[in-house]
Amino acid sequence: MLPRDFFDVDDDLVRLDDIQMDMYEDKDNVVVEFKVAGFPKDKVEISIEDGRLLVKGNLSKEEEDNKDRKYYRKEIKKMSFSKSIDIPVSVTADKAKATFNDGILRVVLPKSEEAKPKKISVQVEK
């Protein structure tokens, strides 16, 4: 039998190394969605550099300076994450948009013109 506190994390910082994400493309965009529940939008940073999308989050629970407080359980800790992924096609980074709704961060990266599909018409030779 394991001791009662076997799974407790003693560190002040909890690293979230496996943030769940979906990445897909449509005709005009590459879309990346991250599950970042619990992180307010002002605690998340997004950048694009050298064909990579980097998303970072840092959250800390402000500790009240109350020495009379005795915790029976303390599970809310500082948390952070960092996720870097290759963007599979050329995008126009300065037109990227991000929205945040119900714990899902959605980053829309417009494809550059050379990455968009093009129709080629077939000419009939006579």
Protein backbone atom coordinates (compact mmCIF):
# COMPACT_ATOMS: atom_id res chain seq x y z
CA MET A 1 0.00 0.00 0.00
CA LEU A 2 1.28 3.44 -0.96
CA PRO A 3 1.64 6.20 1.60
CA ARG A 4 -1.19 8.72 1.61
CA ASP A 5 0.94 11.52 0.18
CA PHE A 6 2.66 9.40 -2.50
CA PHE A 7 1.12 11.35 -5.39
CA ASP A 8 1.48 14.82 -3.85
CA VAL A 9 3.71 17.20 -5.75
CA ASP A 10 6.19 18.92 -3.50
CA ASP A 11 7.42 21.47 -6.03
CA ASP A 12 6.00 24.96 -6.17
CA LEU A 13 5.64 24.64 -9.96
CA VAL A 14 3.62 22.01 -11.79
CA ARG A 15 4.80 21.53 -15.40
CA LEU A 16 2.10 20.61 -17.85
CA ASP A 17 4.19 18.90 -20.50
CA ASP A 18 1.40 17.33 -22.48
CA ILE A 19 -1.07 20.05 -23.42
CA GLN A 20 -3.67 18.49 -25.70
CA MET A 21 -3.99 20.01 -29.15
CA ASP A 22 -5.56 19.53 -32.56
CA MET A 23 -4.05 20.84 -35.79
CA TYR A 24 -5.82 20.86 -39.13
CA GLU A 25 -6.03 22.84 -42.34
CA ASP A 26 -8.77 24.02 -44.61
CA LYS A 27 -8.51 25.74 -47.98
CA ASP A 28 -7.20 29.02 -46.57
CA ASN A 29 -5.86 28.38 -43.05
CA VAL A 30 -3.92 26.18 -40.70
CA VAL A 31 -5.84 25.97 -37.42
CA VAL A 32 -4.36 24.87 -34.10
CA GLU A 33 -6.53 24.37 -31.02
CA PHE A 34 -5.07 23.91 -27.53
CA LYS A 35 -6.86 22.73 -24.40
CA VAL A 36 -5.69 25.22 -21.78
CA ALA A 37 -8.52 25.19 -19.24
CA GLY A 38 -7.73 27.18 -16.12
CA PHE A 39 -5.38 29.63 -17.85
CA PRO A 40 -6.84 33.09 -18.41
CA LYS A 41 -6.08 34.63 -21.80
CA ASP A 42 -3.70 37.21 -20.34
CA LYS A 43 -1.48 34.40 -18.99
CA VAL A 44 -0.96 32.79 -22.43
CA GLU A 45 1.67 33.92 -24.96
CA ILE A 46 1.73 32.99 -28.65
CA SER A 47 4.56 33.54 -31.12
CA ILE A 48 5.59 32.35 -34.57
CA GLU A 49 9.24 32.07 -35.47
CA ASP A 50 11.13 30.15 -38.17
CA GLY A 51 8.08 28.10 -39.18
CA ARG A 52 7.24 27.10 -35.61
CA LEU A 53 4.28 28.04 -33.44
CA LEU A 54 5.15 28.51 -29.77
CA VAL A 55 2.45 28.71 -27.10
CA LYS A 56 3.35 29.32 -23.44
CA GLY A 57 1.25 29.68 -20.34
CA ASN A 58 2.15 30.60 -16.80
CA LEU A 59 -0.32 30.64 -13.94
CA SER A 60 0.32 31.24 -10.27
CA LYS A 61 -2.16 31.33 -7.46
CA GLU A 62 -1.51 34.40 -5.43
CA GLU A 63 -0.66 33.33 -1.92
CA GLU A 64 -2.21 35.31 0.84
CA ASP A 65 0.19 36.17 3.60
CA ASN A 66 -1.75 34.39 6.33
CA LYS A 67 0.37 32.43 8.74
CA ASP A 68 -2.70 31.34 10.72
CA ARG A 69 -3.98 29.29 7.79
CA LYS A 70 -3.66 25.52 8.18
CA TYR A 71 -4.22 23.56 4.99
CA TYR A 72 -5.74 20.10 5.09
CA ARG A 73 -5.07 19.75 1.41
CA LYS A 74 -3.22 22.05 -1.01
CA GLU A 75 -3.48 21.05 -4.65
CA ILE A 76 -3.75 24.42 -6.40
CA LYS A 77 -0.21 25.28 -7.41
CA LYS A 78 1.70 27.33 -9.88
CA MET A 79 1.40 25.82 -13.34
CA SER A 80 3.12 26.42 -16.62
CA PHE A 81 3.30 24.90 -20.07
CA SER A 82 5.19 25.40 -23.28
CA LYS A 83 4.36 23.78 -26.61
CA SER A 84 6.30 24.28 -29.82
CA ILE A 85 5.12 22.75 -33.08
CA ASP A 86 6.18 22.90 -36.70
CA ILE A 87 3.75 24.64 -39.02
CA PRO A 88 3.42 22.26 -42.00
CA VAL A 89 2.91 24.91 -44.70
CA SER A 90 3.94 28.51 -45.29
CA VAL A 91 1.68 30.97 -43.44
CA THR A 92 1.27 34.73 -43.23
CA ALA A 93 2.24 35.22 -39.59
CA ASP A 94 1.26 38.89 -39.33
CA LYS A 95 -2.36 37.99 -40.17
CA ALA A 96 -2.64 35.24 -37.53
CA LYS A 97 -5.54 35.46 -35.08
CA ALA A 98 -6.16 33.80 -31.73
CA THR A 99 -9.39 33.38 -29.81
CA PHE A 100 -10.07 31.90 -26.40
CA ASN A 101 -13.36 30.25 -25.45
CA ASP A 102 -14.32 27.67 -22.79
CA GLY A 103 -10.72 26.66 -22.11
CA ILE A 104 -9.84 26.22 -25.79
CA LEU A 105 -7.25 28.47 -27.39
CA ARG A 106 -7.78 28.59 -31.17
CA VAL A 107 -4.99 29.95 -33.37
CA VAL A 108 -5.84 30.59 -37.04
CA LEU A 109 -2.84 30.95 -39.34
CA PRO A 110 -3.71 32.13 -42.86
CA LYS A 111 -1.83 30.19 -45.53
CA SER A 112 0.46 32.23 -47.75
CA GLU A 113 -0.64 32.45 -51.38
CA GLU A 114 1.97 29.93 -52.54
CA ALA A 115 0.68 27.37 -50.02
CA LYS A 116 -2.97 27.62 -51.10
CA PRO A 117 -4.27 25.05 -53.56
CA LYS A 118 -4.54 26.25 -57.13
CA LYS A 119 -6.72 25.06 -59.96
CA ILE A 120 -5.08 24.37 -63.24
CA SER A 121 -7.35 24.40 -66.22
CA VAL A 122 -6.79 21.77 -68.87
CA GLN A 123 -6.62 22.99 -72.44
CA VAL A 124 -7.80 20.76 -75.28
CA GLU A 125 -5.35 20.61 -78.15
CA LYS A 126 -6.75 20.51 -81.67
